[in-house]
C-alpha atoms as a PDB file:
ATOM      1  CA  MET A   1     113.115  93.710 130.153  1.00  0.00           C
ATOM      2  CA  ARG A   2     112.233  95.935 126.721  1.00  0.00           C
ATOM      3  CA  ARG A   3     109.645  93.923 125.121  1.00  0.00           C
ATOM      4  CA  LYS A   4     111.326  92.988 121.587  1.00  0.00           C
ATOM      5  CA  ARG A   5     110.416  94.826 118.619  1.00  0.00           C
ATOM      6  CA  VAL A   6     110.068  94.294 114.716  1.00  0.00           C
ATOM      7  CA  LEU A   7     109.825  96.691 111.712  1.00  0.00           C
ATOM      8  CA  TYR A   8     108.042  95.468 108.930  1.00  0.00           C
ATOM      9  CA  ALA A   9     107.750  97.152 105.535  1.00  0.00           C
ATOM     10  CA  GLU A  10     104.852  96.215 103.593  1.00  0.00           C
ATOM     11  CA  ASP A  11     102.901  98.064 100.845  1.00  0.00           C
ATOM     12  CA  ASP A  12      99.868  95.554 101.142  1.00  0.00           C
ATOM     13  CA  TYR A  13      97.930  96.915 104.111  1.00  0.00           C
ATOM     14  CA  LEU A  14      96.352  93.223 104.905  1.00  0.00           C
ATOM     15  CA  ASN A  15      99.629  91.519 104.848  1.00  0.00           C
ATOM     16  CA  GLY A  16     101.154  93.853 107.348  1.00  0.00           C
ATOM     17  CA  LYS A  17      98.207  93.587 109.696  1.00  0.00           C
ATOM     18  CA  LEU A  18      98.111  89.994 109.571  1.00  0.00           C
ATOM     19  CA  LEU A  19     101.877  89.899 110.710  1.00  0.00           C
ATOM     20  CA  GLU A  20     101.091  92.317 113.222  1.00  0.00           C
ATOM     21  CA  ILE A  21      98.449  91.292 114.782  1.00  0.00           C
ATOM     22  CA  LEU A  22     100.257  87.402 114.855  1.00  0.00           C
ATOM     23  CA  LEU A  23     103.384  88.949 116.332  1.00  0.00           C
ATOM     24  CA  GLU A  24     101.309  91.026 118.821  1.00  0.00           C
ATOM     25  CA  HIS A  25      99.960  87.371 120.044  1.00  0.00           C
ATOM     26  CA  THR A  26     103.352  86.421 120.609  1.00  0.00           C
ATOM     27  CA  GLY A  27     104.150  89.193 122.617  1.00  0.00           C
ATOM     28  CA  ILE A  28     106.219  91.108 120.088  1.00  0.00           C
ATOM     29  CA  GLU A  29     105.620  94.705 118.797  1.00  0.00           C
ATOM     30  CA  CYS A  30     105.258  95.064 115.204  1.00  0.00           C
ATOM     31  CA  VAL A  31     105.689  98.589 113.877  1.00  0.00           C
ATOM     32  CA  VAL A  32     104.387  98.344 110.088  1.00  0.00           C
ATOM     33  CA  ALA A  33     105.739 100.728 107.094  1.00  0.00           C
ATOM     34  CA  GLY A  34     103.851 101.102 104.061  1.00  0.00           C
ATOM     35  CA  ASP A  35     106.685 102.063 101.774  1.00  0.00           C
ATOM     36  CA  GLY A  36     110.186 101.826 101.578  1.00  0.00           C
ATOM     37  CA  PRO A  37     111.263 105.728 102.221  1.00  0.00           C
ATOM     38  CA  GLU A  38     109.021 105.500 105.666  1.00  0.00           C
ATOM     39  CA  ALA A  39     111.084 102.030 106.524  1.00  0.00           C
ATOM     40  CA  VAL A  40     114.231 103.612 106.674  1.00  0.00           C
ATOM     41  CA  ARG A  41     112.875 106.839 108.846  1.00  0.00           C
ATOM     42  CA  LEU A  42     111.389 104.758 111.034  1.00  0.00           C
ATOM     43  CA  PHE A  43     114.543 102.440 111.467  1.00  0.00           C
ATOM     44  CA  GLU A  44     116.374 105.774 112.147  1.00  0.00           C
ATOM     45  CA  ASN A  45     114.426 106.826 114.745  1.00  0.00           C
ATOM     46  CA  GLY A  46     113.467 103.730 116.473  1.00  0.00           C
ATOM     47  CA  VAL A  47     115.183 100.679 118.256  1.00  0.00           C
ATOM     48  CA  TYR A  48     114.142  97.226 116.154  1.00  0.00           C
ATOM     49  CA  ASP A  49     115.165  93.962 116.979  1.00  0.00           C
ATOM     50  CA  ALA A  50     114.352  92.731 113.493  1.00  0.00           C
ATOM     51  CA  VAL A  51     113.380  94.200 110.373  1.00  0.00           C
ATOM     52  CA  ILE A  52     110.837  92.088 107.636  1.00  0.00           C
ATOM     53  CA  ILE A  53     111.069  93.930 104.181  1.00  0.00           C
ATOM     54  CA  ASP A  54     108.736  93.044 101.180  1.00  0.00           C
ATOM     55  CA  ALA A  55     110.845  93.259  97.928  1.00  0.00           C
ATOM     56  CA  TYR A  56     108.727  95.671  96.225  1.00  0.00           C
ATOM     57  CA  LEU A  57     107.736  99.023  97.951  1.00  0.00           C
ATOM     58  CA  PRO A  58     106.701 102.134  97.008  1.00  0.00           C
ATOM     59  CA  GLY A  59     109.461 104.851  96.964  1.00  0.00           C
ATOM     60  CA  LEU A  60     112.341 102.671  97.696  1.00  0.00           C
ATOM     61  CA  ASN A  61     112.189  98.726  97.107  1.00  0.00           C
ATOM     62  CA  GLY A  62     113.063  96.445  99.507  1.00  0.00           C
ATOM     63  CA  GLU A  63     117.018  95.838  98.496  1.00  0.00           C
ATOM     64  CA  ALA A  64     117.840  99.873  98.663  1.00  0.00           C
ATOM     65  CA  VAL A  65     116.169  99.949 101.818  1.00  0.00           C
ATOM     66  CA  ALA A  66     118.031  96.757 103.408  1.00  0.00           C
ATOM     67  CA  ARG A  67     121.391  98.508 101.840  1.00  0.00           C
ATOM     68  CA  SER A  68     120.132 101.535 103.989  1.00  0.00           C
ATOM     69  CA  ILE A  69     119.552  99.646 106.868  1.00  0.00           C
ATOM     70  CA  ARG A  70     122.571  97.512 107.011  1.00  0.00           C
ATOM     71  CA  ARG A  71     124.574 101.289 106.787  1.00  0.00           C
ATOM     72  CA  LEU A  72     122.946 102.142 109.998  1.00  0.00           C
ATOM     73  CA  ASP A  73     123.067  99.103 111.617  1.00  0.00           C
ATOM     74  CA  GLU A  74     125.118  95.751 110.488  1.00  0.00           C
ATOM     75  CA  ALA A  75     124.144  93.464 112.873  1.00  0.00           C
ATOM     76  CA  VAL A  76     120.228  94.000 112.732  1.00  0.00           C
ATOM     77  CA  LEU A  77     118.478  90.828 111.601  1.00  0.00           C
ATOM     78  CA  LEU A  78     116.966  91.579 108.217  1.00  0.00           C
ATOM     79  CA  ILE A  79     114.091  89.220 106.695  1.00  0.00           C
ATOM     80  CA  GLY A  80     113.104  89.570 103.035  1.00  0.00           C
ATOM     81  CA  VAL A  81     109.799  88.159 101.603  1.00  0.00           C
ATOM     82  CA  THR A  82     109.243  88.281  97.692  1.00  0.00           C
ATOM     83  CA  SER A  83     106.866  86.625  95.562  1.00  0.00           C
ATOM     84  CA  GLU A  84     109.581  86.213  92.847  1.00  0.00           C
ATOM     85  CA  ALA A  85     112.107  83.066  92.969  1.00  0.00           C
ATOM     86  CA  GLY A  86     114.901  85.145  90.865  1.00  0.00           C
ATOM     87  CA  ALA A  87     114.476  88.169  93.583  1.00  0.00           C
ATOM     88  CA  ALA A  88     115.928  86.044  96.140  1.00  0.00           C
ATOM     89  CA  HIS A  89     119.464  86.028  95.380  1.00  0.00           C
ATOM     90  CA  CYS A  90     119.394  89.984  94.425  1.00  0.00           C
ATOM     91  CA  MET A  91     117.883  90.303  97.976  1.00  0.00           C
ATOM     92  CA  GLU A  92     120.791  88.098  99.368  1.00  0.00           C
ATOM     93  CA  GLN A  93     122.826  90.037  97.931  1.00  0.00           C
ATOM     94  CA  ALA A  94     121.573  92.997  99.338  1.00  0.00           C
ATOM     95  CA  GLY A  95     122.224  92.098 102.936  1.00  0.00           C
ATOM     96  CA  PHE A  96     119.770  89.854 104.118  1.00  0.00           C
ATOM     97  CA  ASP A  97     120.147  86.986 106.267  1.00  0.00           C
ATOM     98  CA  ARG A  98     117.411  85.215 105.516  1.00  0.00           C
ATOM     99  CA  VAL A  99     114.551  85.488 102.412  1.00  0.00           C
ATOM    100  CA  PHE A 100     111.410  83.775 102.443  1.00  0.00           C
ATOM    101  CA  MET A 101     108.694  83.126  99.294  1.00  0.00           C
ATOM    102  CA  LYS A 102     105.408  84.860  99.503  1.00  0.00           C
ATOM    103  CA  PRO A 103     102.529  83.922 100.269  1.00  0.00           C
ATOM    104  CA  LEU A 104     104.057  83.102 103.709  1.00  0.00           C
ATOM    105  CA  ARG A 105     102.869  79.491 104.451  1.00  0.00           C
ATOM    106  CA  GLY A 106     103.030  77.762 107.709  1.00  0.00           C
ATOM    107  CA  ARG A 107     105.104  79.131 110.837  1.00  0.00           C
ATOM    108  CA  THR A 108     108.407  78.867 108.775  1.00  0.00           C
ATOM    109  CA  CYS A 109     109.078  82.627 108.984  1.00  0.00           C
ATOM    110  CA  LEU A 110     107.637  83.417 112.136  1.00  0.00           C
ATOM    111  CA  ASP A 111     109.637  80.289 113.405  1.00  0.00           C
ATOM    112  CA  TYR A 112     112.770  81.685 112.547  1.00  0.00           C
ATOM    113  CA  LEU A 113     112.105  85.436 113.373  1.00  0.00           C
ATOM    114  CA  LEU A 114     111.465  83.816 117.299  1.00  0.00           C
ATOM    115  CA  ARG A 115     114.485  81.626 117.206  1.00  0.00           C
ATOM    116  CA  HIS A 116     116.423  84.331 116.461  1.00  0.00           C
ATOM    117  CA  LEU A 117     115.342  87.087 118.982  1.00  0.00           C
END
């Protein structure tokens, strides 16, 4: 059986590393992209069960990354993260299944991800 894989697009190294470690402890492989173009490239060349995307990324913002990924795969689970409440509605319009506010506290985002994988 193939191990579940998550792509996390996050330009803050610490945030990316923290989620990578957390997911690895649950048995999920996490690949971290540091900017929007890298996230799209990794998605095009890999198989992912879910994608978590920060709203503000260098090169392509989270909405543009989500739209690119939705063109490639309409069914993949897309989770957005943002620190601005006003961005959540725009992210949902871009095709995200769920948007969480930063800083991510507790297990809400992780529980949602695990429930859908």
